Each structure stands twice: as structure tokens, then as C-alpha cells.
């Protein structure tokens, strides 16, 4: 299996190079990995104390971010090397101020792993949620460098739990400790003989609490909302938008409506605008004169987490595709949430729906029923809002637990 794994890595890398002239993501993936040794050598010097943190993409970065910032605050003597597998993570966070060196992770060949780890010489390594690169993990293990997984979540369908999964199980055995989000993940790992596990929770809860503290006011949305209730569709996709737009066109005056689509390129914004039979305006073109429009379209990146503070109800996109986006950002503001049907792989969505702070819709009639109920029954709405807020607050603390467990020796030295 190890031979097949290494062949697979080589084939994947070669294919990325072949399609890079015709695919923008592949191009970024390939170009970003060129001259990685020079980048590391420029930022990391011999004698530096280093912690390496690896994230697959932007979502995993947001989970790792509270841990990174806690390390910087508690142990500033360490330099942080932050790596990404995906362009969607690296390209957006390549200038992140709390990391000393930010790079794409070189392809997982044994040679790259040896060279990369020798150059940065980390004292600790943290992988966030996913990413099980055998060569990197094996070199770390052989070098006796402790490797941790944080915010891990596991499901029965993964390779680790199949009859043919001994190779993949051997990878998990090399982690110093695996911090999981939930009890089912803990039980799955225990069932295959993994003993170094801690039930720590999900660091994203800590991240969204940070967001509340750092949220900024958006005067344009305040002006647009006026004295009305506001519905915000965050990270929306076509299927979500078509159902919501149908409701808006039938009942435009029930609320003010804001969309923050997942894709903000010109063609997608134009497609979205065509769904509405009511006055609408883009955020980039908003003025006092357009405040009477019924729909506002956010056509920028970076505003959504602060914009939720103005919402009365939020819809989270992605539920008609591979899975929903972040529902914790609106929930932390005490806002009931709706989303499409593909949410079962997201523990927080299942938990929040079961508790009554969220609902799922498949059809227009489903969506209409949910909104009509929340808008007509103030007591029910308040109860759902309280559930959402309480759920986030009760699940914070994973970051503090993880930092204490991983770095207790260094923290104790500081206080001795």
C-alpha cells in the first residue's frame, strides 16, 4: 500500500502540472510550490524555535487560528510556520500576521518531507482536522518530533475503519495525540486500537466568539435595514438563492434581504440579480438614495462574519451541494439558522437542529413554512434564538484545553 500511495502522489503532482496551463487553481497549486526552499530559508534561521501548523484549506485555518493566536500570546519565543495544501487557503491567508512563515506544503514525497522538516526543525507539529500525509508523518515520527491532530473528526466510512485500512491506521498510530471534536470520533478511534486520544471539542466555537469581540459596524447595512427585520443569506449558492428569491418575490415586504454569495465574480452576481423582481442594489454601489431597495448583494469578501450581527434570520449556503458552510458565525449572535438538506456530516448543524436553533429545507414550501413560523410566533423565535446562542457558548474552551495539553512543559517553565 505504501508503494501505491507514493505512486499516487507522483501521479497527482504530474497531473496538476499538466492541467495547470488550463486551470487557475492547478496553476496556483503548482506555481505556489516553486522555490519553497528559498522562502523557508529566508524566514527560518538556524536556532529558531519553531512550531509547524498545517491546514488543508481556509476552513481548517479558521479552526486552527485560535490555537495559533493563543501560541503567539502565551509563547512568543516560538516562530510559527503555517502551511496549506489548497490555494483557497494559502492565497487568502498568505499575509496572515500571526505566522512567521506561510507556504504551500510541498508534495508528500519522502525527499520533500526530509528536506522540509530538516529546514524548519520544528519542536511541535500540529495538523488541523484532516490531512494525513504519510511521508511527512513518518519522517516526523522517525525524527521523534511530536505530531498532534486538533479538531479531528472521524466517520465510519473512512479508510481507517475498513478491512483494507491497516496502512492508514498505521499513520494514525504515529500521532503523539489526537484531539477529537466528538464522542463518536473518540469511540471509532478507540475501536481500532488508537489510545492517545482526547475529547477536546471544536476550536471553531472559540473562533466565532473571537469574531463577536472583533466585529465591526457596517453603516451601509444599518442604513439599508432601517427599522425592519433583516434576513441574511450567507455563502449562498444557486439552489439556495432560487428558493429564497421565490419567497422574496412573493413576499418582499416581510423583511429586508441581504445576500453574500459564495462566488462574487461578475457573472455570478449578474445571475443572482436576475432572480429578483424587486429593487436590488450591490454593496459596492450602495448609497443613501438606494436604501429603499429590498435586496442588498454583498459583492466583496471579508464582511460576512460582521454582517451577521444585523440579521434576524440567517440562511447558510451549500446545503444543496457537498455540505453547508459555517453556521456558527450567525448562531453566535443568537440568530436562528436555516440551510439545505446536506448537513448530516456537520456535527454542529445536527446538534443545533436537534436542539431547535436551526431548521433544514428542501423545497420552497419547506422554506416558507419555516420563515412564516418564526415571523409569526415571537415566543418560538426567541426560544430558537436563545438555543443558538447558548449552544455556541456551551461548546467553547477547546483551544485552552489543547494548548494546555500540548505545551504544558513550556508553559510550566515560564511559570517556574
Protein backbone atom coordinates (compact mmCIF):
# COMPACT_ATOMS: atom_id res chain seq x y z
CA UNK A 1 0.00 0.00 0.00
CA UNK A 2 2.89 2.36 0.74
CA UNK A 3 4.21 1.91 -2.81
CA UNK A 4 0.77 2.60 -4.26
CA UNK A 5 0.46 5.66 -2.05
CA UNK A 6 3.77 7.10 -3.28
CA UNK A 7 2.88 6.36 -6.91
CA UNK A 8 -0.44 8.13 -6.34
CA UNK A 9 1.34 11.22 -5.02
CA UNK A 10 3.61 11.33 -8.06
CA UNK A 11 0.68 10.89 -10.48
CA UNK A 12 -1.34 13.63 -8.73
CA UNK A 13 1.61 16.05 -8.84
CA UNK A 14 2.26 15.31 -12.51
CA UNK A 15 -1.40 15.76 -13.43
CA UNK A 16 -1.53 19.09 -11.59
CA UNK A 17 1.42 20.24 -13.68
CA UNK A 18 -0.19 19.07 -16.92
CA UNK A 19 -3.50 20.85 -16.37
CA UNK A 20 -2.05 23.98 -14.75
CA UNK A 21 -1.95 25.97 -18.04
CA UNK A 22 -5.71 25.42 -18.40
CA UNK A 23 -6.90 25.54 -14.78
CA UNK A 24 -6.40 28.52 -12.49
CA UNK A 25 -6.47 26.53 -9.24
CA UNK A 26 -3.99 23.98 -10.54
CA UNK A 27 -1.80 26.84 -11.75
CA UNK A 28 -1.74 28.40 -8.29
CA UNK A 29 -1.07 24.99 -6.74
CA UNK A 30 1.94 24.37 -9.00
CA UNK A 31 3.41 27.89 -9.05
CA UNK A 32 3.00 28.28 -5.30
CA UNK A 33 5.24 25.28 -4.65
CA UNK A 34 8.14 26.59 -6.73
CA UNK A 35 11.16 27.93 -4.81
CA UNK A 36 9.69 26.84 -1.49
CA UNK A 37 13.17 26.20 -0.11
CA UNK A 38 14.15 29.84 -0.68
CA UNK A 39 11.05 31.04 1.14
CA UNK A 40 11.74 28.83 4.15
CA UNK A 41 15.43 29.79 4.25
CA UNK A 42 14.51 33.49 4.17
CA UNK A 43 12.14 33.25 7.15
CA UNK A 44 13.51 30.47 9.35
CA UNK A 45 17.08 30.55 10.63
CA UNK A 46 19.21 28.02 12.47
CA UNK A 47 18.46 28.21 16.17
CA UNK A 48 14.87 29.42 15.78
CA UNK A 49 12.34 27.62 17.95
CA UNK A 50 9.61 26.55 15.53
CA UNK A 51 6.06 25.25 15.69
CA UNK A 52 4.72 23.96 12.39
CA UNK A 53 0.96 24.14 11.82
CA UNK A 54 -0.60 22.64 8.70
CA UNK A 55 -4.09 23.30 7.32
CA UNK A 56 -5.65 21.81 4.23
CA UNK A 57 -7.57 24.93 3.27
CA UNK A 58 -9.31 28.04 4.57
CA UNK A 59 -11.87 26.21 6.70
CA UNK A 60 -9.18 24.29 8.56
CA UNK A 61 -7.21 27.50 9.01
CA UNK A 62 -10.19 29.08 10.76
CA UNK A 63 -10.24 26.09 13.10
CA UNK A 64 -6.52 26.36 13.75
CA UNK A 65 -6.50 30.14 14.07
CA UNK A 66 -7.48 30.31 17.77
CA UNK A 67 -4.65 27.90 18.57
CA UNK A 68 -2.14 29.90 16.52
CA UNK A 69 -3.12 33.13 18.25
CA UNK A 70 -3.01 31.50 21.68
CA UNK A 71 0.51 30.23 20.96
CA UNK A 72 1.63 33.71 19.90
CA UNK A 73 0.21 35.18 23.07
CA UNK A 74 1.44 32.57 25.55
CA UNK A 75 4.74 31.55 23.89
CA UNK A 76 6.04 34.40 21.70
CA UNK A 77 9.52 32.88 21.70
CA UNK A 78 8.36 30.39 19.05
CA UNK A 79 8.21 31.10 15.33
CA UNK A 80 5.19 29.67 13.55
CA UNK A 81 5.45 28.03 10.15
CA UNK A 82 1.99 27.80 8.59
CA UNK A 83 1.44 25.58 5.54
CA UNK A 84 -1.54 25.00 3.27
CA UNK A 85 -2.38 22.29 0.77
CA UNK A 86 -5.03 24.25 -1.13
CA UNK A 87 -4.84 27.60 -2.96
CA UNK A 88 -8.14 28.63 -1.36
CA UNK A 89 -6.36 28.69 1.97
CA UNK A 90 -2.93 29.98 1.01
CA UNK A 91 -3.98 32.74 -1.39
CA UNK A 92 -6.40 34.28 1.12
CA UNK A 93 -4.17 33.95 4.23
CA UNK A 94 -0.66 34.30 2.77
CA UNK A 95 -0.22 37.60 4.60
CA UNK A 96 -1.62 36.44 7.95
CA UNK A 97 0.24 38.44 10.59
CA UNK A 98 0.45 35.78 13.32
CA UNK A 99 2.56 33.35 11.30
CA UNK A 100 6.26 33.97 10.67
CA UNK A 101 6.44 31.86 7.52
CA UNK A 102 3.49 30.92 5.29
CA UNK A 103 3.94 28.42 2.48
CA UNK A 104 2.29 25.79 0.39
CA UNK A 105 3.10 22.30 1.66
CA UNK A 106 5.48 20.64 -0.85
CA UNK A 107 4.16 17.43 -2.36
CA UNK A 108 4.28 14.49 0.03
CA UNK A 109 7.33 12.69 -1.29
CA UNK A 110 9.89 11.23 1.08
CA UNK A 111 12.55 13.59 -0.26
CA UNK A 112 10.41 16.68 0.21
CA UNK A 113 9.42 15.60 3.71
CA UNK A 114 13.05 15.07 4.77
CA UNK A 115 14.17 18.40 3.34
CA UNK A 116 11.24 20.46 4.63
CA UNK A 117 11.40 19.08 8.17
CA UNK A 118 15.18 19.45 8.32
CA UNK A 119 14.92 23.09 7.22
CA UNK A 120 12.30 24.17 9.73
CA UNK A 121 13.35 21.73 12.50
CA UNK A 122 10.08 22.07 14.45
CA UNK A 123 9.74 21.28 18.14
CA UNK A 124 5.99 20.70 17.75
CA UNK A 125 3.78 19.96 14.74
CA UNK A 126 0.01 20.42 14.57
CA UNK A 127 -2.23 19.23 11.75
CA UNK A 128 -5.75 20.65 11.75
CA UNK A 129 -8.80 18.36 11.36
CA UNK A 130 -7.74 16.44 8.25
CA UNK A 131 -4.58 15.80 6.22
CA UNK A 132 -2.78 12.51 6.75
CA UNK A 133 0.36 12.78 4.62
CA UNK A 134 2.24 9.53 5.16
CA UNK A 135 5.77 10.66 4.27
CA UNK A 136 5.67 13.79 6.38
CA UNK A 137 4.12 11.91 9.29
CA UNK A 138 6.65 9.08 9.01
CA UNK A 139 9.65 11.43 8.93
CA UNK A 140 8.32 13.31 11.96
CA UNK A 141 7.81 10.02 13.79
CA UNK A 142 11.28 8.74 12.93
CA UNK A 143 12.75 12.10 13.99
CA UNK A 144 10.91 11.90 17.34
CA UNK A 145 9.17 15.22 16.66
CA UNK A 146 5.73 15.18 18.34
CA UNK A 147 2.80 15.50 15.94
CA UNK A 148 -0.74 16.39 17.04
CA UNK A 149 -4.09 16.46 15.29
CA UNK A 150 -6.60 19.04 16.55
CA UNK A 151 -10.33 19.36 15.88
CA UNK A 152 -10.26 15.89 14.38
CA UNK A 153 -13.50 14.30 13.29
CA UNK A 154 -13.87 10.73 12.05
CA UNK A 155 -16.64 8.76 10.35
CA UNK A 156 -17.18 5.02 9.81
CA UNK A 157 -16.78 5.31 6.02
CA UNK A 158 -13.17 6.48 6.17
CA UNK A 159 -10.28 4.22 5.12
CA UNK A 160 -9.04 3.88 8.69
CA UNK A 161 -12.05 1.75 9.61
CA UNK A 162 -12.17 -0.55 6.56
CA UNK A 163 -10.82 -4.09 6.32
CA UNK A 164 -8.08 -2.86 3.98
CA UNK A 165 -7.19 0.10 6.21
CA UNK A 166 -4.11 -1.20 8.08
CA UNK A 167 -1.79 1.20 6.20
CA UNK A 168 -3.97 4.17 7.07
CA UNK A 169 -4.35 3.02 10.67
CA UNK A 170 -0.57 2.88 10.95
CA UNK A 171 -0.49 6.60 10.08
CA UNK A 172 -2.77 7.42 12.99
CA UNK A 173 -0.57 5.43 15.36
CA UNK A 174 2.27 7.91 14.73
CA UNK A 175 0.45 10.91 16.21
CA UNK A 176 1.54 11.91 19.70
CA UNK A 177 -2.10 12.73 20.47
CA UNK A 178 -5.31 13.19 18.51
CA UNK A 179 -7.76 15.78 19.82
CA UNK A 180 -11.25 14.98 18.51
CA UNK A 181 -14.41 17.04 18.31
CA UNK A 182 -16.97 14.49 19.47
CA UNK A 183 -17.61 11.22 21.26
CA UNK A 184 -18.38 9.18 18.08
CA UNK A 185 -14.92 10.07 16.73
CA UNK A 186 -13.35 9.08 20.05
CA UNK A 187 -15.17 5.75 20.01
CA UNK A 188 -14.21 5.00 16.40
CA UNK A 189 -10.51 5.56 17.11
CA UNK A 190 -10.67 3.55 20.32
CA UNK A 191 -12.27 0.72 18.35
CA UNK A 192 -9.21 0.36 16.10
CA UNK A 193 -6.70 0.48 18.94
CA UNK A 194 -5.78 4.18 18.97
CA UNK A 195 -5.13 5.07 22.60
CA UNK A 196 -3.65 8.59 22.52
CA UNK A 197 -6.96 10.44 22.10
CA UNK A 198 -8.53 13.37 23.90
CA UNK A 199 -12.10 14.60 23.57
CA UNK A 200 -11.42 18.34 23.30
CA UNK A 201 -14.25 19.77 21.18
CA UNK A 202 -14.10 22.06 18.18
CA UNK A 203 -11.87 25.15 18.17
CA UNK A 204 -14.26 26.87 15.75
CA UNK A 205 -16.50 27.72 18.69
CA UNK A 206 -13.64 29.69 20.20
CA UNK A 207 -13.06 31.37 16.85
CA UNK A 208 -16.61 32.62 16.47
CA UNK A 209 -16.53 34.05 19.99
CA UNK A 210 -13.42 35.96 18.92
CA UNK A 211 -15.35 37.21 15.90
CA UNK A 212 -18.02 38.75 18.12
CA UNK A 213 -15.33 40.62 20.01
CA UNK A 214 -13.70 41.91 16.84
CA UNK A 215 -16.81 42.50 14.71
CA UNK A 216 -17.03 45.89 13.06
CA UNK A 217 -20.01 48.07 12.39
CA UNK A 218 -21.18 48.25 8.79
CA UNK A 219 -23.07 51.50 8.45
CA UNK A 220 -24.36 50.70 4.97
CA UNK A 221 -26.16 47.61 6.24
CA UNK A 222 -27.51 49.54 9.23
CA UNK A 223 -28.87 52.17 6.84
CA UNK A 224 -30.27 49.54 4.47
CA UNK A 225 -32.01 47.66 7.28
CA UNK A 226 -33.57 50.75 8.81
CA UNK A 227 -36.27 49.73 11.27
CA UNK A 228 -37.12 46.42 9.61
CA UNK A 229 -36.10 42.85 10.32
CA UNK A 230 -33.28 41.58 8.12
CA UNK A 231 -32.68 38.18 6.50
CA UNK A 232 -29.08 37.35 5.55
CA UNK A 233 -28.18 34.54 3.15
CA UNK A 234 -24.50 33.81 3.83
CA UNK A 235 -22.19 31.93 1.45
CA UNK A 236 -25.21 31.25 -0.75
CA UNK A 237 -25.25 29.04 -3.85
CA UNK A 238 -27.65 28.89 -6.77
CA UNK A 239 -30.04 26.30 -5.31
CA UNK A 240 -30.40 28.21 -2.03
CA UNK A 241 -30.79 31.51 -3.84
CA UNK A 242 -33.51 30.33 -6.21
CA UNK A 243 -35.76 29.17 -3.35
CA UNK A 244 -35.12 32.28 -1.24
CA UNK A 245 -35.65 34.58 -4.23
CA UNK A 246 -39.00 32.92 -4.92
CA UNK A 247 -40.09 33.80 -1.39
CA UNK A 248 -38.80 37.37 -1.73
CA UNK A 249 -40.65 37.92 -4.99
CA UNK A 250 -43.89 36.74 -3.35
CA UNK A 251 -43.40 38.49 0.00
CA UNK A 252 -40.84 41.28 -0.46
CA UNK A 253 -42.04 43.40 2.45
CA UNK A 254 -41.75 40.79 5.19
CA UNK A 255 -38.10 41.70 5.78
CA UNK A 256 -35.10 43.36 4.21
CA UNK A 257 -32.92 40.83 2.37
CA UNK A 258 -29.14 40.57 2.13
CA UNK A 259 -27.18 38.05 0.07
CA UNK A 260 -23.47 37.31 0.48
CA UNK A 261 -22.92 34.77 -2.32
CA UNK A 262 -20.11 32.25 -2.09
CA UNK A 263 -18.85 33.33 -5.52
CA UNK A 264 -18.62 37.06 -6.17
CA UNK A 265 -17.36 37.12 -9.75
CA UNK A 266 -19.23 39.36 -12.16
CA UNK A 267 -21.14 36.61 -13.95
CA UNK A 268 -22.44 35.08 -10.71
CA UNK A 269 -23.57 38.45 -9.32
CA UNK A 270 -25.38 39.16 -12.58
CA UNK A 271 -27.06 35.74 -12.46
CA UNK A 272 -28.18 36.37 -8.88
CA UNK A 273 -29.62 39.79 -9.75
CA UNK A 274 -31.81 38.27 -12.45
CA UNK A 275 -33.67 36.22 -9.82
CA UNK A 276 -35.30 39.27 -8.24
CA UNK A 277 -38.46 41.07 -9.34
CA UNK A 278 -37.89 43.74 -6.68
CA UNK A 279 -35.44 46.62 -6.34
CA UNK A 280 -31.95 45.43 -5.51
CA UNK A 281 -28.52 47.01 -5.15
CA UNK A 282 -24.94 45.85 -4.89
CA UNK A 283 -22.99 46.80 -1.77
CA UNK A 284 -20.28 48.38 -3.94
CA UNK A 285 -22.92 50.70 -5.44
CA UNK A 286 -24.92 51.37 -2.28
CA UNK A 287 -25.81 54.96 -1.38
CA UNK A 288 -28.41 56.73 0.71
CA UNK A 289 -30.57 57.01 -2.38
CA UNK A 290 -30.69 53.19 -2.75
CA UNK A 291 -31.53 52.42 0.89
CA UNK A 292 -35.16 51.74 -0.07
CA UNK A 293 -34.17 48.71 -2.18
CA UNK A 294 -35.49 45.41 -0.84
CA UNK A 295 -32.37 43.33 -1.61
CA UNK A 296 -28.71 44.14 -0.94
CA UNK A 297 -26.00 41.97 -2.54
CA UNK A 298 -22.61 41.92 -0.81
CA UNK A 299 -20.09 41.76 -3.65
CA UNK A 300 -16.90 41.62 -1.58
CA UNK A 301 -15.00 39.20 0.66
CA UNK A 302 -14.36 39.64 4.37
CA UNK A 303 -17.55 41.31 5.54
CA UNK A 304 -19.87 38.38 6.18
CA UNK A 305 -18.89 37.49 9.75
CA UNK A 306 -19.55 41.06 10.91
CA UNK A 307 -22.70 41.40 8.79
CA UNK A 308 -24.47 38.62 10.71
CA UNK A 309 -24.87 40.94 13.69
CA UNK A 310 -27.64 42.77 11.80
CA UNK A 311 -29.66 39.67 10.89
CA UNK A 312 -32.92 38.44 12.36
CA UNK A 313 -32.75 35.11 10.49
CA UNK A 314 -29.81 33.66 8.56
CA UNK A 315 -29.61 31.09 5.77
CA UNK A 316 -26.32 29.27 5.21
CA UNK A 317 -25.49 28.08 1.72
CA UNK A 318 -24.02 24.83 0.47
CA UNK A 319 -26.72 22.51 1.74
CA UNK A 320 -27.77 21.53 -1.76
CA UNK A 321 -24.20 20.66 -2.68
CA UNK A 322 -21.36 18.95 -0.83
CA UNK A 323 -22.27 20.48 2.50
CA UNK A 324 -23.14 23.64 4.36
CA UNK A 325 -20.81 26.49 5.21
CA UNK A 326 -20.19 27.90 8.69
CA UNK A 327 -23.40 28.06 10.73
CA UNK A 328 -21.61 29.05 13.94
CA UNK A 329 -20.94 32.61 12.80
CA UNK A 330 -24.63 33.56 12.78
CA UNK A 331 -25.51 31.28 15.71
CA UNK A 332 -23.05 33.06 17.99
CA UNK A 333 -25.10 36.23 17.55
CA UNK A 334 -28.22 34.41 18.72
CA UNK A 335 -29.73 34.10 15.24
CA UNK A 336 -31.82 31.09 14.14
CA UNK A 337 -30.39 29.42 11.05
CA UNK A 338 -31.83 27.62 8.02
CA UNK A 339 -29.94 25.52 5.49
CA UNK A 340 -30.38 22.92 2.77
CA UNK A 341 -30.60 19.13 3.21
CA UNK A 342 -26.93 18.11 3.03
CA UNK A 343 -25.87 18.86 6.58
CA UNK A 344 -25.57 15.42 8.23
CA UNK A 345 -21.75 15.41 8.12
CA UNK A 346 -21.60 18.61 10.15
CA UNK A 347 -21.93 17.87 13.84
CA UNK A 348 -22.81 21.44 14.79
CA UNK A 349 -25.65 21.51 12.26
CA UNK A 350 -27.10 18.24 13.52
CA UNK A 351 -26.78 19.37 17.14
CA UNK A 352 -28.28 22.80 16.56
CA UNK A 353 -31.16 21.42 14.50
CA UNK A 354 -31.93 18.80 17.15
CA UNK A 355 -31.89 21.49 19.84
CA UNK A 356 -34.25 23.75 17.88
CA UNK A 357 -31.90 26.55 16.91
CA UNK A 358 -31.82 25.61 13.23
CA UNK A 359 -34.06 24.10 10.57
CA UNK A 360 -33.48 22.48 7.20
CA UNK A 361 -35.42 22.98 3.97
CA UNK A 362 -35.60 21.13 0.68
CA UNK A 363 -38.45 22.84 -1.16
CA UNK A 364 -39.96 26.30 -1.37
CA UNK A 365 -42.87 25.15 0.81
CA UNK A 366 -40.40 24.00 3.49
CA UNK A 367 -38.64 27.35 3.44
CA UNK A 368 -41.89 29.31 3.50
CA UNK A 369 -43.16 27.29 6.44
CA UNK A 370 -40.02 27.92 8.48
CA UNK A 371 -39.94 31.67 7.87
CA UNK A 372 -43.66 32.14 8.37
CA UNK A 373 -43.48 30.30 11.69
CA UNK A 374 -40.55 32.32 13.02
CA UNK A 375 -42.03 35.61 11.85
CA UNK A 376 -45.49 34.97 13.30
CA UNK A 377 -44.59 33.39 16.63
CA UNK A 378 -42.37 35.74 18.65
CA UNK A 379 -42.01 33.35 21.59
CA UNK A 380 -40.93 30.49 19.34
CA UNK A 381 -38.45 32.75 17.55
CA UNK A 382 -36.94 33.94 20.84
CA UNK A 383 -36.61 30.36 22.07
CA UNK A 384 -34.80 29.31 18.88
CA UNK A 385 -32.51 32.35 19.06
CA UNK A 386 -31.62 31.58 22.68
CA UNK A 387 -30.84 27.97 21.77
CA UNK A 388 -28.43 29.11 19.04
CA UNK A 389 -26.56 31.50 21.30
CA UNK A 390 -26.41 29.06 24.21
CA UNK A 391 -25.13 26.24 22.00
CA UNK A 392 -22.07 28.25 20.95
CA UNK A 393 -21.27 29.45 24.46
CA UNK A 394 -21.53 25.96 25.96
CA UNK A 395 -19.08 24.49 23.46
CA UNK A 396 -16.19 26.92 23.83
CA UNK A 397 -12.93 26.02 25.56
CA UNK A 398 -11.28 23.58 23.12
CA UNK A 399 -8.39 25.96 22.40
CA UNK A 400 -7.43 26.39 26.06
CA UNK A 401 -7.57 22.63 26.63
CA UNK A 402 -5.42 21.86 23.56
CA UNK A 403 -2.80 24.49 24.40
CA UNK A 404 -2.55 23.26 27.97
CA UNK A 405 -2.15 19.62 26.92
CA UNK A 406 0.36 20.12 24.09
CA UNK A 407 2.55 22.81 25.57
CA UNK A 408 2.33 22.13 29.30
CA UNK A 409 6.11 21.65 29.62
CA UNK A 410 6.93 25.01 28.05
CA UNK A 411 4.11 26.79 29.88
CA UNK A 412 5.26 25.32 33.20
CA UNK A 413 8.82 26.51 32.53
CA UNK A 414 7.54 30.06 32.11
CA UNK A 415 5.83 29.93 35.50
CA UNK A 416 8.60 28.16 37.38
